[in-house]
Amino acid sequence: MIGPLLNFTLRLTFFVSGLLLVHLLILWLLGKHLFDHFILPSYLFNYFITLIFSAVLLMNSKTKDAFLGWLFFITSGLKFLAFFIMIYPLYNLDGAIQKAELFTFFLPYSLCLTIEIHQIIKILNTNS
């Protein structure tokens, strides 16, 4: 259990950190402010919520293999609920959500979701 979780954590950390650095580099090259649009809260939110929910999925993967798909859907719904409670109010402070703000959130969200799905596929292939 610890091995797969540590491996997942290291992989997630590597890719999210890399994406953040590339994102900041592109903003810098475009002459934009680096830390506008709540970039750090967006990346940290996506990183930690993916880490927590993936740990839950990994812990339940050995005992509840048939339930894993449903658990994934439940955690995905909880992610969106957490987004609307924690992140959405930050983006909506000025009364409008800009495209750059959406991009800043959904870029790390998409990466984290892809890594999480890849992990679930590995679990299901190992268990079958």
N, C-alpha and C. Protein backbone atom coordinates (compact mmCIF):
# COMPACT_ATOMS: atom_id res chain seq x y z
N MET A 1 0.83 -1.20 0.00
CA MET A 1 0.00 0.00 0.00
C MET A 1 0.86 1.25 0.00
N ILE A 2 1.91 1.28 0.84
CA ILE A 2 2.76 2.47 0.94
C ILE A 2 3.54 2.67 -0.37
N GLY A 3 4.01 1.59 -0.97
CA GLY A 3 4.78 1.69 -2.21
C GLY A 3 4.01 2.37 -3.34
N PRO A 4 2.81 1.87 -3.67
CA PRO A 4 2.05 2.53 -4.74
C PRO A 4 1.67 3.97 -4.41
N LEU A 5 1.36 4.25 -3.15
CA LEU A 5 1.00 5.61 -2.77
C LEU A 5 2.20 6.55 -2.87
N LEU A 6 3.36 6.08 -2.44
CA LEU A 6 4.58 6.89 -2.55
C LEU A 6 4.93 7.12 -4.02
N ASN A 7 4.83 6.08 -4.82
CA ASN A 7 5.10 6.21 -6.25
C ASN A 7 4.14 7.21 -6.90
N PHE A 8 2.86 7.10 -6.56
CA PHE A 8 1.87 8.03 -7.10
C PHE A 8 2.16 9.46 -6.65
N THR A 9 2.51 9.63 -5.37
CA THR A 9 2.80 10.96 -4.83
C THR A 9 3.99 11.59 -5.54
N LEU A 10 5.04 10.81 -5.74
CA LEU A 10 6.23 11.34 -6.43
C LEU A 10 5.91 11.71 -7.87
N ARG A 11 5.16 10.86 -8.55
CA ARG A 11 4.79 11.14 -9.95
C ARG A 11 3.91 12.39 -10.03
N LEU A 12 2.92 12.47 -9.15
CA LEU A 12 2.03 13.64 -9.14
C LEU A 12 2.82 14.91 -8.84
N THR A 13 3.71 14.85 -7.86
CA THR A 13 4.52 16.01 -7.49
C THR A 13 5.39 16.45 -8.67
N PHE A 14 6.02 15.50 -9.33
CA PHE A 14 6.88 15.82 -10.47
C PHE A 14 6.10 16.52 -11.58
N PHE A 15 4.97 15.94 -11.97
CA PHE A 15 4.22 16.50 -13.10
C PHE A 15 3.54 17.82 -12.76
N VAL A 16 2.97 17.94 -11.57
CA VAL A 16 2.31 19.19 -11.20
C VAL A 16 3.34 20.31 -11.05
N SER A 17 4.48 20.01 -10.43
CA SER A 17 5.54 21.01 -10.30
C SER A 17 6.05 21.44 -11.67
N GLY A 18 6.25 20.47 -12.54
CA GLY A 18 6.71 20.78 -13.89
C GLY A 18 5.73 21.64 -14.65
N LEU A 19 4.45 21.30 -14.55
CA LEU A 19 3.42 22.09 -15.23
C LEU A 19 3.37 23.51 -14.66
N LEU A 20 3.48 23.64 -13.35
CA LEU A 20 3.48 24.97 -12.74
C LEU A 20 4.66 25.80 -13.25
N LEU A 21 5.83 25.19 -13.32
CA LEU A 21 7.00 25.92 -13.82
C LEU A 21 6.83 26.33 -15.28
N VAL A 22 6.30 25.45 -16.10
CA VAL A 22 6.06 25.79 -17.51
C VAL A 22 5.01 26.89 -17.61
N HIS A 23 3.96 26.79 -16.81
CA HIS A 23 2.90 27.81 -16.79
C HIS A 23 3.49 29.17 -16.41
N LEU A 24 4.30 29.20 -15.35
CA LEU A 24 4.93 30.45 -14.93
C LEU A 24 5.89 30.98 -15.99
N LEU A 25 6.63 30.09 -16.63
CA LEU A 25 7.55 30.51 -17.69
C LEU A 25 6.80 31.15 -18.85
N ILE A 26 5.70 30.55 -19.25
CA ILE A 26 4.89 31.12 -20.34
C ILE A 26 4.33 32.48 -19.95
N LEU A 27 3.84 32.60 -18.73
CA LEU A 27 3.35 33.90 -18.27
C LEU A 27 4.47 34.94 -18.28
N TRP A 28 5.65 34.54 -17.84
CA TRP A 28 6.79 35.45 -17.81
C TRP A 28 7.18 35.88 -19.23
N LEU A 29 7.21 34.91 -20.15
CA LEU A 29 7.56 35.22 -21.54
C LEU A 29 6.53 36.14 -22.19
N LEU A 30 5.27 36.02 -21.79
CA LEU A 30 4.21 36.88 -22.32
C LEU A 30 4.14 38.23 -21.61
N GLY A 31 4.96 38.41 -20.59
CA GLY A 31 4.98 39.67 -19.86
C GLY A 31 3.81 39.84 -18.91
N LYS A 32 3.19 38.75 -18.52
CA LYS A 32 2.05 38.80 -17.59
C LYS A 32 2.56 38.71 -16.16
N HIS A 33 1.71 39.10 -15.23
CA HIS A 33 2.04 38.94 -13.82
C HIS A 33 2.00 37.45 -13.49
N LEU A 34 3.03 36.97 -12.83
CA LEU A 34 3.16 35.53 -12.62
C LEU A 34 2.12 34.94 -11.68
N PHE A 35 1.76 35.68 -10.67
CA PHE A 35 0.90 35.08 -9.64
C PHE A 35 -0.50 35.68 -9.61
N ASP A 36 -0.94 36.19 -10.77
CA ASP A 36 -2.33 36.62 -10.90
C ASP A 36 -3.24 35.40 -11.04
N HIS A 37 -4.50 35.63 -10.91
CA HIS A 37 -5.53 34.61 -11.14
C HIS A 37 -5.42 33.43 -10.18
N PHE A 38 -4.86 33.68 -9.00
CA PHE A 38 -4.81 32.65 -7.95
C PHE A 38 -4.15 31.37 -8.44
N ILE A 39 -3.01 31.52 -9.10
CA ILE A 39 -2.34 30.37 -9.69
C ILE A 39 -1.87 29.38 -8.62
N LEU A 40 -1.26 29.87 -7.54
CA LEU A 40 -0.80 28.94 -6.51
C LEU A 40 -1.94 28.24 -5.79
N PRO A 41 -3.00 28.95 -5.37
CA PRO A 41 -4.12 28.21 -4.76
C PRO A 41 -4.72 27.17 -5.70
N SER A 42 -4.78 27.46 -6.99
CA SER A 42 -5.35 26.51 -7.95
C SER A 42 -4.50 25.25 -8.04
N TYR A 43 -3.20 25.43 -8.17
CA TYR A 43 -2.31 24.27 -8.27
C TYR A 43 -2.28 23.49 -6.97
N LEU A 44 -2.20 24.19 -5.84
CA LEU A 44 -2.17 23.49 -4.55
C LEU A 44 -3.48 22.75 -4.28
N PHE A 45 -4.59 23.38 -4.60
CA PHE A 45 -5.90 22.74 -4.43
C PHE A 45 -5.96 21.44 -5.23
N ASN A 46 -5.62 21.53 -6.51
CA ASN A 46 -5.68 20.35 -7.37
C ASN A 46 -4.70 19.27 -6.93
N TYR A 47 -3.52 19.67 -6.52
CA TYR A 47 -2.51 18.70 -6.06
C TYR A 47 -3.00 17.95 -4.82
N PHE A 48 -3.40 18.69 -3.81
CA PHE A 48 -3.77 18.04 -2.55
C PHE A 48 -5.08 17.27 -2.63
N ILE A 49 -6.04 17.78 -3.36
CA ILE A 49 -7.31 17.06 -3.45
C ILE A 49 -7.12 15.77 -4.27
N THR A 50 -6.27 15.81 -5.28
CA THR A 50 -5.97 14.60 -6.04
C THR A 50 -5.21 13.61 -5.17
N LEU A 51 -4.27 14.10 -4.40
CA LEU A 51 -3.49 13.23 -3.51
C LEU A 51 -4.38 12.55 -2.48
N ILE A 52 -5.26 13.31 -1.87
CA ILE A 52 -6.15 12.76 -0.83
C ILE A 52 -7.12 11.74 -1.43
N PHE A 53 -7.79 12.11 -2.51
CA PHE A 53 -8.78 11.20 -3.08
C PHE A 53 -8.13 9.98 -3.73
N SER A 54 -6.95 10.14 -4.28
CA SER A 54 -6.25 8.99 -4.84
C SER A 54 -5.80 8.04 -3.74
N ALA A 55 -5.42 8.58 -2.60
CA ALA A 55 -5.07 7.73 -1.46
C ALA A 55 -6.28 6.91 -1.02
N VAL A 56 -7.45 7.55 -1.02
CA VAL A 56 -8.69 6.83 -0.68
C VAL A 56 -8.93 5.72 -1.70
N LEU A 57 -8.75 6.03 -2.98
CA LEU A 57 -8.94 5.02 -4.02
C LEU A 57 -7.94 3.87 -3.87
N LEU A 58 -6.68 4.21 -3.58
CA LEU A 58 -5.67 3.17 -3.41
C LEU A 58 -5.96 2.29 -2.20
N MET A 59 -6.41 2.90 -1.10
CA MET A 59 -6.71 2.13 0.11
C MET A 59 -7.87 1.17 -0.12
N ASN A 60 -8.80 1.54 -0.96
CA ASN A 60 -9.97 0.70 -1.21
C ASN A 60 -9.80 -0.22 -2.42
N SER A 61 -8.68 -0.12 -3.11
CA SER A 61 -8.52 -0.89 -4.35
C SER A 61 -8.37 -2.38 -4.10
N LYS A 62 -7.81 -2.78 -2.99
CA LYS A 62 -7.60 -4.20 -2.73
C LYS A 62 -8.86 -4.89 -2.23
N THR A 63 -9.68 -4.17 -1.48
CA THR A 63 -10.84 -4.81 -0.87
C THR A 63 -12.13 -4.60 -1.66
N LYS A 64 -12.23 -3.50 -2.36
CA LYS A 64 -13.49 -3.16 -3.02
C LYS A 64 -13.26 -2.85 -4.49
N ASP A 65 -12.71 -3.81 -5.21
CA ASP A 65 -12.36 -3.61 -6.62
C ASP A 65 -13.58 -3.23 -7.46
N ALA A 66 -14.70 -3.88 -7.23
CA ALA A 66 -15.92 -3.59 -8.01
C ALA A 66 -16.49 -2.22 -7.69
N PHE A 67 -16.19 -1.72 -6.51
CA PHE A 67 -16.70 -0.43 -6.06
C PHE A 67 -15.81 0.74 -6.50
N LEU A 68 -14.64 0.43 -7.05
CA LEU A 68 -13.65 1.46 -7.37
C LEU A 68 -14.17 2.50 -8.37
N GLY A 69 -14.90 2.07 -9.38
CA GLY A 69 -15.46 3.01 -10.36
C GLY A 69 -16.43 3.98 -9.72
N TRP A 70 -17.30 3.46 -8.87
CA TRP A 70 -18.25 4.32 -8.18
C TRP A 70 -17.54 5.27 -7.23
N LEU A 71 -16.53 4.77 -6.56
CA LEU A 71 -15.76 5.61 -5.65
C LEU A 71 -15.07 6.74 -6.41
N PHE A 72 -14.58 6.43 -7.61
CA PHE A 72 -13.97 7.46 -8.44
C PHE A 72 -14.98 8.54 -8.80
N PHE A 73 -16.19 8.14 -9.19
CA PHE A 73 -17.23 9.12 -9.53
C PHE A 73 -17.61 9.95 -8.31
N ILE A 74 -17.69 9.33 -7.16
CA ILE A 74 -18.03 10.06 -5.92
C ILE A 74 -16.95 11.09 -5.61
N THR A 75 -15.68 10.67 -5.69
CA THR A 75 -14.60 11.62 -5.39
C THR A 75 -14.54 12.73 -6.43
N SER A 76 -14.87 12.42 -7.68
CA SER A 76 -14.90 13.48 -8.71
C SER A 76 -15.98 14.51 -8.39
N GLY A 77 -17.13 14.05 -7.95
CA GLY A 77 -18.20 14.97 -7.54
C GLY A 77 -17.79 15.80 -6.34
N LEU A 78 -17.10 15.18 -5.40
CA LEU A 78 -16.63 15.91 -4.22
C LEU A 78 -15.57 16.95 -4.61
N LYS A 79 -14.77 16.66 -5.62
CA LYS A 79 -13.79 17.64 -6.11
C LYS A 79 -14.50 18.89 -6.62
N PHE A 80 -15.56 18.69 -7.42
CA PHE A 80 -16.28 19.85 -7.93
C PHE A 80 -16.98 20.61 -6.81
N LEU A 81 -17.50 19.90 -5.85
CA LEU A 81 -18.11 20.56 -4.69
C LEU A 81 -17.07 21.38 -3.94
N ALA A 82 -15.90 20.81 -3.72
CA ALA A 82 -14.82 21.54 -3.05
C ALA A 82 -14.38 22.74 -3.88
N PHE A 83 -14.35 22.59 -5.20
CA PHE A 83 -14.01 23.72 -6.07
C PHE A 83 -14.99 24.87 -5.87
N PHE A 84 -16.29 24.56 -5.88
CA PHE A 84 -17.29 25.62 -5.75
C PHE A 84 -17.31 26.24 -4.36
N ILE A 85 -16.85 25.51 -3.37
CA ILE A 85 -16.80 26.06 -2.01
C ILE A 85 -15.52 26.85 -1.78
N MET A 86 -14.38 26.36 -2.28
CA MET A 86 -13.09 26.95 -1.92
C MET A 86 -12.48 27.85 -2.99
N ILE A 87 -12.57 27.48 -4.25
CA ILE A 87 -11.86 28.20 -5.31
C ILE A 87 -12.76 29.17 -6.07
N TYR A 88 -13.96 28.75 -6.39
CA TYR A 88 -14.88 29.59 -7.16
C TYR A 88 -15.09 30.97 -6.52
N PRO A 89 -15.26 31.07 -5.20
CA PRO A 89 -15.43 32.41 -4.61
C PRO A 89 -14.22 33.32 -4.85
N LEU A 90 -13.02 32.76 -4.91
CA LEU A 90 -11.84 33.57 -5.20
C LEU A 90 -11.91 34.15 -6.61
N TYR A 91 -12.29 33.31 -7.56
CA TYR A 91 -12.37 33.76 -8.94
C TYR A 91 -13.52 34.73 -9.16
N ASN A 92 -14.53 34.65 -8.35
CA ASN A 92 -15.72 35.47 -8.53
C ASN A 92 -15.70 36.73 -7.67
N LEU A 93 -14.57 37.07 -7.08
CA LEU A 93 -14.48 38.26 -6.23
C LEU A 93 -14.83 39.53 -6.98
N ASP A 94 -14.43 39.61 -8.25
CA ASP A 94 -14.72 40.81 -9.04
C ASP A 94 -16.05 40.72 -9.78
N GLY A 95 -16.81 39.66 -9.56
CA GLY A 95 -18.12 39.51 -10.17
C GLY A 95 -18.11 38.83 -11.53
N ALA A 96 -16.94 38.56 -12.06
CA ALA A 96 -16.83 37.90 -13.37
C ALA A 96 -15.63 36.97 -13.36
N ILE A 97 -15.77 35.86 -14.04
CA ILE A 97 -14.66 34.92 -14.15
C ILE A 97 -14.04 35.07 -15.53
N GLN A 98 -12.75 35.37 -15.55
CA GLN A 98 -12.04 35.58 -16.81
C GLN A 98 -11.57 34.24 -17.38
N LYS A 99 -11.29 34.23 -18.68
CA LYS A 99 -10.79 33.01 -19.32
C LYS A 99 -9.46 32.57 -18.72
N ALA A 100 -8.62 33.54 -18.39
CA ALA A 100 -7.31 33.20 -17.80
C ALA A 100 -7.49 32.51 -16.45
N GLU A 101 -8.51 32.90 -15.70
CA GLU A 101 -8.77 32.25 -14.41
C GLU A 101 -9.24 30.81 -14.61
N LEU A 102 -10.10 30.60 -15.58
CA LEU A 102 -10.55 29.24 -15.89
C LEU A 102 -9.38 28.37 -16.34
N PHE A 103 -8.54 28.92 -17.19
CA PHE A 103 -7.37 28.20 -17.67
C PHE A 103 -6.44 27.85 -16.52
N THR A 104 -6.26 28.81 -15.60
CA THR A 104 -5.38 28.60 -14.45
C THR A 104 -5.89 27.48 -13.56
N PHE A 105 -7.19 27.29 -13.47
CA PHE A 105 -7.71 26.19 -12.67
C PHE A 105 -7.74 24.88 -13.44
N PHE A 106 -8.24 24.91 -14.67
CA PHE A 106 -8.48 23.66 -15.38
C PHE A 106 -7.22 23.04 -15.98
N LEU A 107 -6.15 23.79 -16.12
CA LEU A 107 -4.90 23.20 -16.58
C LEU A 107 -4.37 22.19 -15.56
N PRO A 108 -4.16 22.58 -14.29
CA PRO A 108 -3.72 21.56 -13.32
C PRO A 108 -4.79 20.52 -13.03
N TYR A 109 -6.06 20.91 -13.10
CA TYR A 109 -7.14 19.93 -12.88
C TYR A 109 -7.07 18.82 -13.92
N SER A 110 -6.88 19.20 -15.18
CA SER A 110 -6.81 18.21 -16.26
C SER A 110 -5.61 17.28 -16.09
N LEU A 111 -4.48 17.84 -15.72
CA LEU A 111 -3.29 17.03 -15.50
C LEU A 111 -3.50 16.05 -14.35
N CYS A 112 -4.01 16.56 -13.23
CA CYS A 112 -4.24 15.71 -12.06
C CYS A 112 -5.26 14.62 -12.37
N LEU A 113 -6.29 14.95 -13.10
CA LEU A 113 -7.31 13.96 -13.46
C LEU A 113 -6.71 12.87 -14.36
N THR A 114 -5.88 13.27 -15.30
CA THR A 114 -5.23 12.31 -16.19
C THR A 114 -4.33 11.36 -15.40
N ILE A 115 -3.55 11.89 -14.48
CA ILE A 115 -2.68 11.05 -13.66
C ILE A 115 -3.50 10.12 -12.78
N GLU A 116 -4.59 10.63 -12.22
CA GLU A 116 -5.45 9.82 -11.37
C GLU A 116 -6.11 8.68 -12.17
N ILE A 117 -6.58 8.97 -13.36
CA ILE A 117 -7.19 7.94 -14.20
C ILE A 117 -6.15 6.89 -14.59
N HIS A 118 -4.96 7.34 -14.90
CA HIS A 118 -3.88 6.40 -15.23
C HIS A 118 -3.60 5.47 -14.05
N GLN A 119 -3.62 6.00 -12.84
CA GLN A 119 -3.40 5.19 -11.65
C GLN A 119 -4.53 4.17 -11.47
N ILE A 120 -5.75 4.58 -11.69
CA ILE A 120 -6.89 3.67 -11.56
C ILE A 120 -6.80 2.55 -12.59
N ILE A 121 -6.39 2.89 -13.80
CA ILE A 121 -6.22 1.86 -14.84
C ILE A 121 -5.16 0.86 -14.41
N LYS A 122 -4.05 1.35 -13.85
CA LYS A 122 -3.01 0.45 -13.36
C LYS A 122 -3.54 -0.47 -12.26
N ILE A 123 -4.33 0.08 -11.35
CA ILE A 123 -4.90 -0.72 -10.26
C ILE A 123 -5.81 -1.80 -10.83
N LEU A 124 -6.69 -1.42 -11.73
CA LEU A 124 -7.64 -2.37 -12.29
C LEU A 124 -6.93 -3.45 -13.11
N ASN A 125 -5.89 -3.09 -13.84
CA ASN A 125 -5.14 -4.08 -14.61
C ASN A 125 -4.37 -5.03 -13.70
N THR A 126 -3.88 -4.53 -12.58
CA THR A 126 -3.16 -5.36 -11.62
C THR A 126 -4.10 -6.33 -10.92
N ASN A 127 -5.29 -5.85 -10.58
CA ASN A 127 -6.24 -6.67 -9.84
C ASN A 127 -6.94 -7.71 -10.70
N SER A 128 -6.93 -7.53 -12.02
CA SER A 128 -7.68 -8.48 -12.87
C SER A 128 -6.83 -9.63 -13.34
